[in-house]
Amino acid sequence: MPPTPVPYPIPAAETQVELLVVNSRFIATACLADTVASARESLARLRAAIPTANHHVYAYRVGYGNSIIESMSDDGEPTGTAGPPTMAVLRGADIGDTLVVVTRIFGGTKLGTGGLVRAYSDATRAVLEALPRQLKIPRQQIGLEFAYSFYERIKLLIAEYEGTIDDETFGQDASLIVTLPQSNVPPFTARITDMTAGKVEVIHFDEEPSP
């Protein structure tokens, strides 16, 4: 079986900082990117926000730990002076599902390759230090079918295990679709089985990541 996903830090809110380096403005933005599609959408949005900028350098890491999708770009800066240093700082930040875009507005003075590496690294480091974080807790959706006599007790048990009711259907029996922290699913299932003497059917759906 694959390993159970563990909680990991992700951005809690989009954050932006600005550094001035020899009259060039480096505007660094960090935001949540939990899919490649969302990273590309945010990049396009940030590009459109400052269309006259000279460069929109980016790096993103979707996932965490050993399951990562990465991408970066120098966006017209000399090769290796912008995207790689931005990615290097992001890799060292112990955070997942994150896009960093450093927008440069040229100030008239060339910085040289060393100056560019330092500027993009410093801008990325500054925005990640300012970035608020929260834990991404893997969640699992399950279905429950049971007699009405169990309804109130099951609702209390769902709350006890930090679950939410996504849908309710009432026919001959009651049916619920519930989302729980993934680590709580086995003990919740065991409690349900014990409490109802196995009279509740528990249906396990695919994992559903939480925001």
C-alpha atoms as a PDB file:
ATOM      1  CA  MET A   1       0.000   0.000   0.000  1.00  0.00           C
ATOM      2  CA  PRO A   2       1.220   3.565  -0.641  1.00  0.00           C
ATOM      3  CA  PRO A   3       2.337   5.557   2.424  1.00  0.00           C
ATOM      4  CA  THR A   4      -0.316   7.637   4.144  1.00  0.00           C
ATOM      5  CA  PRO A   5       0.117  11.340   3.261  1.00  0.00           C
ATOM      6  CA  VAL A   6       1.165  13.464   6.215  1.00  0.00           C
ATOM      7  CA  PRO A   7       0.277  17.086   6.963  1.00  0.00           C
ATOM      8  CA  TYR A   8       2.708  19.584   5.463  1.00  0.00           C
ATOM      9  CA  PRO A   9       3.067  23.390   5.413  1.00  0.00           C
ATOM     10  CA  ILE A  10       1.505  25.379   2.567  1.00  0.00           C
ATOM     11  CA  PRO A  11       0.844  29.102   1.983  1.00  0.00           C
ATOM     12  CA  ALA A  12      -2.053  30.462   4.016  1.00  0.00           C
ATOM     13  CA  ALA A  13      -2.388  33.697   2.021  1.00  0.00           C
ATOM     14  CA  GLU A  14      -0.847  35.301  -1.040  1.00  0.00           C
ATOM     15  CA  THR A  15       2.042  37.527   0.024  1.00  0.00           C
ATOM     16  CA  GLN A  16       4.083  40.158  -1.804  1.00  0.00           C
ATOM     17  CA  VAL A  17       7.250  42.054  -0.916  1.00  0.00           C
ATOM     18  CA  GLU A  18       9.376  44.476  -2.914  1.00  0.00           C
ATOM     19  CA  LEU A  19      13.130  45.035  -2.924  1.00  0.00           C
ATOM     20  CA  LEU A  20      14.969  47.894  -4.630  1.00  0.00           C
ATOM     21  CA  VAL A  21      18.361  46.860  -6.000  1.00  0.00           C
ATOM     22  CA  VAL A  22      20.372  49.539  -7.829  1.00  0.00           C
ATOM     23  CA  ASN A  23      17.120  51.190  -8.962  1.00  0.00           C
ATOM     24  CA  SER A  24      15.609  47.938 -10.268  1.00  0.00           C
ATOM     25  CA  ARG A  25      12.398  46.887  -8.529  1.00  0.00           C
ATOM     26  CA  PHE A  26      12.104  43.215  -7.612  1.00  0.00           C
ATOM     27  CA  ILE A  27       8.489  42.433  -6.682  1.00  0.00           C
ATOM     28  CA  ALA A  28       8.260  38.938  -5.191  1.00  0.00           C
ATOM     29  CA  THR A  29       4.914  37.191  -4.812  1.00  0.00           C
ATOM     30  CA  ALA A  30       4.308  33.815  -3.168  1.00  0.00           C
ATOM     31  CA  CYS A  31       0.988  31.974  -3.289  1.00  0.00           C
ATOM     32  CA  LEU A  32      -0.669  28.574  -3.083  1.00  0.00           C
ATOM     33  CA  ALA A  33      -0.179  26.273  -6.081  1.00  0.00           C
ATOM     34  CA  ASP A  34      -1.631  22.845  -5.281  1.00  0.00           C
ATOM     35  CA  THR A  35      -1.804  21.811  -8.953  1.00  0.00           C
ATOM     36  CA  VAL A  36       0.273  22.630 -12.023  1.00  0.00           C
ATOM     37  CA  ALA A  37      -2.839  24.227 -13.549  1.00  0.00           C
ATOM     38  CA  SER A  38      -3.321  26.549 -10.564  1.00  0.00           C
ATOM     39  CA  ALA A  39       0.381  27.516 -10.660  1.00  0.00           C
ATOM     40  CA  ARG A  40       0.074  28.457 -14.337  1.00  0.00           C
ATOM     41  CA  GLU A  41      -3.154  30.392 -13.723  1.00  0.00           C
ATOM     42  CA  SER A  42      -1.562  32.398 -10.903  1.00  0.00           C
ATOM     43  CA  LEU A  43       1.532  33.057 -13.015  1.00  0.00           C
ATOM     44  CA  ALA A  44      -0.635  34.372 -15.862  1.00  0.00           C
ATOM     45  CA  ARG A  45      -2.574  36.564 -13.425  1.00  0.00           C
ATOM     46  CA  LEU A  46       0.601  38.030 -11.932  1.00  0.00           C
ATOM     47  CA  ARG A  47       2.069  38.659 -15.383  1.00  0.00           C
ATOM     48  CA  ALA A  48      -1.101  40.476 -16.409  1.00  0.00           C
ATOM     49  CA  ALA A  49      -1.030  42.623 -13.257  1.00  0.00           C
ATOM     50  CA  ILE A  50       2.265  44.255 -14.324  1.00  0.00           C
ATOM     51  CA  PRO A  51       2.373  43.819 -18.115  1.00  0.00           C
ATOM     52  CA  THR A  52       5.157  46.406 -18.610  1.00  0.00           C
ATOM     53  CA  ALA A  53       7.656  44.578 -16.363  1.00  0.00           C
ATOM     54  CA  ASN A  54      10.861  43.363 -17.995  1.00  0.00           C
ATOM     55  CA  HIS A  55      10.845  39.880 -16.436  1.00  0.00           C
ATOM     56  CA  HIS A  56       8.482  37.606 -14.532  1.00  0.00           C
ATOM     57  CA  VAL A  57      10.808  34.951 -13.142  1.00  0.00           C
ATOM     58  CA  TYR A  58       9.097  32.024 -11.439  1.00  0.00           C
ATOM     59  CA  ALA A  59       9.602  28.774  -9.589  1.00  0.00           C
ATOM     60  CA  TYR A  60       6.956  26.435  -8.242  1.00  0.00           C
ATOM     61  CA  ARG A  61       6.811  23.179  -6.323  1.00  0.00           C
ATOM     62  CA  VAL A  62       3.540  21.260  -6.347  1.00  0.00           C
ATOM     63  CA  GLY A  63       3.418  18.578  -3.650  1.00  0.00           C
ATOM     64  CA  TYR A  64       5.835  17.911  -0.820  1.00  0.00           C
ATOM     65  CA  GLY A  65       8.551  15.490   0.273  1.00  0.00           C
ATOM     66  CA  ASN A  66       9.266  12.776  -2.280  1.00  0.00           C
ATOM     67  CA  SER A  67       6.234  13.631  -4.429  1.00  0.00           C
ATOM     68  CA  ILE A  68       7.038  16.955  -6.120  1.00  0.00           C
ATOM     69  CA  ILE A  69       6.422  18.532  -9.517  1.00  0.00           C
ATOM     70  CA  GLU A  70       8.789  21.446 -10.141  1.00  0.00           C
ATOM     71  CA  SER A  71       9.180  24.104 -12.808  1.00  0.00           C
ATOM     72  CA  MET A  72      11.105  27.366 -13.145  1.00  0.00           C
ATOM     73  CA  SER A  73      12.058  29.992 -15.699  1.00  0.00           C
ATOM     74  CA  ASP A  74      14.678  32.740 -16.112  1.00  0.00           C
ATOM     75  CA  ASP A  75      12.126  34.566 -18.312  1.00  0.00           C
ATOM     76  CA  GLY A  76      14.719  36.343 -20.400  1.00  0.00           C
ATOM     77  CA  GLU A  77      17.353  36.941 -17.741  1.00  0.00           C
ATOM     78  CA  PRO A  78      20.804  35.430 -18.444  1.00  0.00           C
ATOM     79  CA  THR A  79      20.626  31.651 -18.152  1.00  0.00           C
ATOM     80  CA  GLY A  80      20.844  30.408 -14.575  1.00  0.00           C
ATOM     81  CA  THR A  81      20.762  33.833 -12.917  1.00  0.00           C
ATOM     82  CA  ALA A  82      17.078  33.985 -11.957  1.00  0.00           C
ATOM     83  CA  GLY A  83      14.998  30.790 -12.077  1.00  0.00           C
ATOM     84  CA  PRO A  84      17.580  28.472 -10.450  1.00  0.00           C
ATOM     85  CA  PRO A  85      18.378  30.765  -7.491  1.00  0.00           C
ATOM     86  CA  THR A  86      14.658  31.332  -6.961  1.00  0.00           C
ATOM     87  CA  MET A  87      14.079  27.567  -6.991  1.00  0.00           C
ATOM     88  CA  ALA A  88      17.066  26.928  -4.686  1.00  0.00           C
ATOM     89  CA  VAL A  89      15.606  29.201  -2.001  1.00  0.00           C
ATOM     90  CA  LEU A  90      12.134  27.679  -2.442  1.00  0.00           C
ATOM     91  CA  ARG A  91      13.526  24.133  -2.091  1.00  0.00           C
ATOM     92  CA  GLY A  92      15.168  25.089   1.183  1.00  0.00           C
ATOM     93  CA  ALA A  93      12.050  26.650   2.664  1.00  0.00           C
ATOM     94  CA  ASP A  94      10.287  23.443   3.868  1.00  0.00           C
ATOM     95  CA  ILE A  95       6.971  24.309   2.238  1.00  0.00           C
ATOM     96  CA  GLY A  96       4.858  22.606  -0.410  1.00  0.00           C
ATOM     97  CA  ASP A  97       2.307  23.657  -3.038  1.00  0.00           C
ATOM     98  CA  THR A  98       3.970  27.025  -3.560  1.00  0.00           C
ATOM     99  CA  LEU A  99       4.545  29.372  -6.498  1.00  0.00           C
ATOM    100  CA  VAL A 100       7.027  32.235  -6.278  1.00  0.00           C
ATOM    101  CA  VAL A 101       7.050  34.902  -8.994  1.00  0.00           C
ATOM    102  CA  VAL A 102       9.711  37.619  -8.916  1.00  0.00           C
ATOM    103  CA  THR A 103       8.771  40.475 -11.229  1.00  0.00           C
ATOM    104  CA  ARG A 104      11.634  42.766 -12.219  1.00  0.00           C
ATOM    105  CA  ILE A 105      11.202  46.321 -13.407  1.00  0.00           C
ATOM    106  CA  PHE A 106      14.572  47.389 -14.817  1.00  0.00           C
ATOM    107  CA  GLY A 107      16.039  50.520 -13.281  1.00  0.00           C
ATOM    108  CA  GLY A 108      18.618  51.357 -15.939  1.00  0.00           C
ATOM    109  CA  THR A 109      21.713  49.773 -14.378  1.00  0.00           C
ATOM    110  CA  LYS A 110      22.823  46.229 -15.196  1.00  0.00           C
ATOM    111  CA  LEU A 111      23.523  44.101 -12.146  1.00  0.00           C
ATOM    112  CA  GLY A 112      25.773  41.449 -13.672  1.00  0.00           C
ATOM    113  CA  THR A 113      25.271  37.722 -13.206  1.00  0.00           C
ATOM    114  CA  GLY A 114      26.321  37.707  -9.548  1.00  0.00           C
ATOM    115  CA  GLY A 115      24.123  40.684  -8.780  1.00  0.00           C
ATOM    116  CA  LEU A 116      21.116  39.040 -10.440  1.00  0.00           C
ATOM    117  CA  VAL A 117      21.594  35.788  -8.518  1.00  0.00           C
ATOM    118  CA  ARG A 118      21.768  37.711  -5.230  1.00  0.00           C
ATOM    119  CA  ALA A 119      18.772  39.901  -6.069  1.00  0.00           C
ATOM    120  CA  TYR A 120      16.475  37.019  -7.057  1.00  0.00           C
ATOM    121  CA  SER A 121      17.634  34.939  -4.093  1.00  0.00           C
ATOM    122  CA  ASP A 122      17.097  37.820  -1.665  1.00  0.00           C
ATOM    123  CA  ALA A 123      13.655  38.644  -3.080  1.00  0.00           C
ATOM    124  CA  THR A 124      12.538  35.016  -2.848  1.00  0.00           C
ATOM    125  CA  ARG A 125      13.917  34.672   0.663  1.00  0.00           C
ATOM    126  CA  ALA A 126      12.160  37.870   1.769  1.00  0.00           C
ATOM    127  CA  VAL A 127       8.727  36.843   0.477  1.00  0.00           C
ATOM    128  CA  LEU A 128       8.984  33.339   1.934  1.00  0.00           C
ATOM    129  CA  GLU A 129       9.971  34.767   5.320  1.00  0.00           C
ATOM    130  CA  ALA A 130       6.878  36.996   5.223  1.00  0.00           C
ATOM    131  CA  LEU A 131       4.575  34.245   3.952  1.00  0.00           C
ATOM    132  CA  PRO A 132       1.989  32.982   6.484  1.00  0.00           C
ATOM    133  CA  ARG A 133       1.650  29.201   6.544  1.00  0.00           C
ATOM    134  CA  GLN A 134      -0.882  26.566   7.481  1.00  0.00           C
ATOM    135  CA  LEU A 135      -0.900  22.781   7.519  1.00  0.00           C
ATOM    136  CA  LYS A 136      -2.422  20.898   4.625  1.00  0.00           C
ATOM    137  CA  ILE A 137      -4.180  17.922   6.199  1.00  0.00           C
ATOM    138  CA  PRO A 138      -4.998  15.042   3.820  1.00  0.00           C
ATOM    139  CA  ARG A 139      -8.691  14.195   3.987  1.00  0.00           C
ATOM    140  CA  GLN A 140     -10.771  11.182   3.028  1.00  0.00           C
ATOM    141  CA  GLN A 141     -14.382  11.080   1.919  1.00  0.00           C
ATOM    142  CA  ILE A 142     -16.565   8.179   3.057  1.00  0.00           C
ATOM    143  CA  GLY A 143     -20.212   7.223   2.773  1.00  0.00           C
ATOM    144  CA  LEU A 144     -22.426   5.944   5.588  1.00  0.00           C
ATOM    145  CA  GLU A 145     -25.774   4.143   5.352  1.00  0.00           C
ATOM    146  CA  PHE A 146     -27.695   3.371   8.524  1.00  0.00           C
ATOM    147  CA  ALA A 147     -31.065   3.180  10.244  1.00  0.00           C
ATOM    148  CA  TYR A 148     -32.531   6.468  11.511  1.00  0.00           C
ATOM    149  CA  SER A 149     -32.152   5.338  15.102  1.00  0.00           C
ATOM    150  CA  PHE A 150     -28.358   5.879  14.790  1.00  0.00           C
ATOM    151  CA  TYR A 151     -28.569   9.332  13.236  1.00  0.00           C
ATOM    152  CA  GLU A 152     -27.927  11.599  16.247  1.00  0.00           C
ATOM    153  CA  ARG A 153     -25.186   9.408  17.690  1.00  0.00           C
ATOM    154  CA  ILE A 154     -23.399   9.247  14.342  1.00  0.00           C
ATOM    155  CA  LYS A 155     -23.571  13.033  13.934  1.00  0.00           C
ATOM    156  CA  LEU A 156     -21.919  13.457  17.329  1.00  0.00           C
ATOM    157  CA  LEU A 157     -19.238  10.949  16.388  1.00  0.00           C
ATOM    158  CA  ILE A 158     -18.530  12.778  13.125  1.00  0.00           C
ATOM    159  CA  ALA A 159     -17.967  16.005  15.064  1.00  0.00           C
ATOM    160  CA  GLU A 160     -15.750  14.196  17.589  1.00  0.00           C
ATOM    161  CA  TYR A 161     -13.480  13.010  14.757  1.00  0.00           C
ATOM    162  CA  GLU A 162     -13.311  16.473  13.124  1.00  0.00           C
ATOM    163  CA  GLY A 163     -15.473  15.491  10.175  1.00  0.00           C
ATOM    164  CA  THR A 164     -17.904  17.463   8.047  1.00  0.00           C
ATOM    165  CA  ILE A 165     -21.147  16.263   6.467  1.00  0.00           C
ATOM    166  CA  ASP A 166     -21.061  16.963   2.734  1.00  0.00           C
ATOM    167  CA  ASP A 167     -24.433  15.493   1.802  1.00  0.00           C
ATOM    168  CA  GLU A 168     -27.459  13.854   3.432  1.00  0.00           C
ATOM    169  CA  THR A 169     -30.071  11.612   1.807  1.00  0.00           C
ATOM    170  CA  PHE A 170     -33.136  10.302   3.598  1.00  0.00           C
ATOM    171  CA  GLY A 171     -35.023   7.333   2.203  1.00  0.00           C
ATOM    172  CA  GLN A 172     -35.765   4.004   3.786  1.00  0.00           C
ATOM    173  CA  ASP A 173     -32.475   4.541   5.648  1.00  0.00           C
ATOM    174  CA  ALA A 174     -30.277   7.592   6.163  1.00  0.00           C
ATOM    175  CA  SER A 175     -27.207   8.126   3.958  1.00  0.00           C
ATOM    176  CA  LEU A 176     -24.400  10.574   4.636  1.00  0.00           C
ATOM    177  CA  ILE A 177     -21.305  11.585   2.703  1.00  0.00           C
ATOM    178  CA  VAL A 178     -18.657  12.670   5.190  1.00  0.00           C
ATOM    179  CA  THR A 179     -15.141  14.096   4.905  1.00  0.00           C
ATOM    180  CA  LEU A 180     -12.660  13.347   7.693  1.00  0.00           C
ATOM    181  CA  PRO A 181      -8.943  13.895   8.267  1.00  0.00           C
ATOM    182  CA  GLN A 182      -7.470  10.809   6.633  1.00  0.00           C
ATOM    183  CA  SER A 183      -5.717   9.700   9.827  1.00  0.00           C
ATOM    184  CA  ASN A 184      -9.077   9.723  11.633  1.00  0.00           C
ATOM    185  CA  VAL A 185     -10.848   7.406   9.189  1.00  0.00           C
ATOM    186  CA  PRO A 186      -9.680   4.051  10.672  1.00  0.00           C
ATOM    187  CA  PRO A 187     -10.530   4.907  14.314  1.00  0.00           C
ATOM    188  CA  PHE A 188     -13.816   6.518  13.239  1.00  0.00           C
ATOM    189  CA  THR A 189     -14.758   3.411  11.243  1.00  0.00           C
ATOM    190  CA  ALA A 190     -13.877   1.184  14.202  1.00  0.00           C
ATOM    191  CA  ARG A 191     -15.996   3.311  16.562  1.00  0.00           C
ATOM    192  CA  ILE A 192     -18.953   3.245  14.161  1.00  0.00           C
ATOM    193  CA  THR A 193     -18.726  -0.526  13.811  1.00  0.00           C
ATOM    194  CA  ASP A 194     -18.478  -1.009  17.561  1.00  0.00           C
ATOM    195  CA  MET A 195     -21.244   1.476  18.410  1.00  0.00           C
ATOM    196  CA  THR A 196     -23.733  -0.030  15.938  1.00  0.00           C
ATOM    197  CA  ALA A 197     -22.664  -3.677  16.203  1.00  0.00           C
ATOM    198  CA  GLY A 198     -21.675  -3.587  12.528  1.00  0.00           C
ATOM    199  CA  LYS A 199     -25.083  -2.374  11.326  1.00  0.00           C
ATOM    200  CA  VAL A 200     -23.702   0.666   9.484  1.00  0.00           C
ATOM    201  CA  GLU A 201     -22.271   0.284   6.002  1.00  0.00           C
ATOM    202  CA  VAL A 202     -19.096   2.351   5.527  1.00  0.00           C
ATOM    203  CA  ILE A 203     -18.104   3.125   1.926  1.00  0.00           C
ATOM    204  CA  HIS A 204     -14.562   4.417   1.326  1.00  0.00           C
ATOM    205  CA  PHE A 205     -14.020   6.858  -1.532  1.00  0.00           C
ATOM    206  CA  ASP A 206     -10.780   8.278  -2.908  1.00  0.00           C
ATOM    207  CA  GLU A 207      -8.610  10.619  -0.858  1.00  0.00           C
ATOM    208  CA  GLU A 208      -9.647  14.265  -1.104  1.00  0.00           C
ATOM    209  CA  PRO A 209      -6.895  16.780  -0.251  1.00  0.00           C
ATOM    210  CA  SER A 210      -7.927  19.705   1.949  1.00  0.00           C
ATOM    211  CA  PRO A 211      -7.176  23.286   1.047  1.00  0.00           C
END
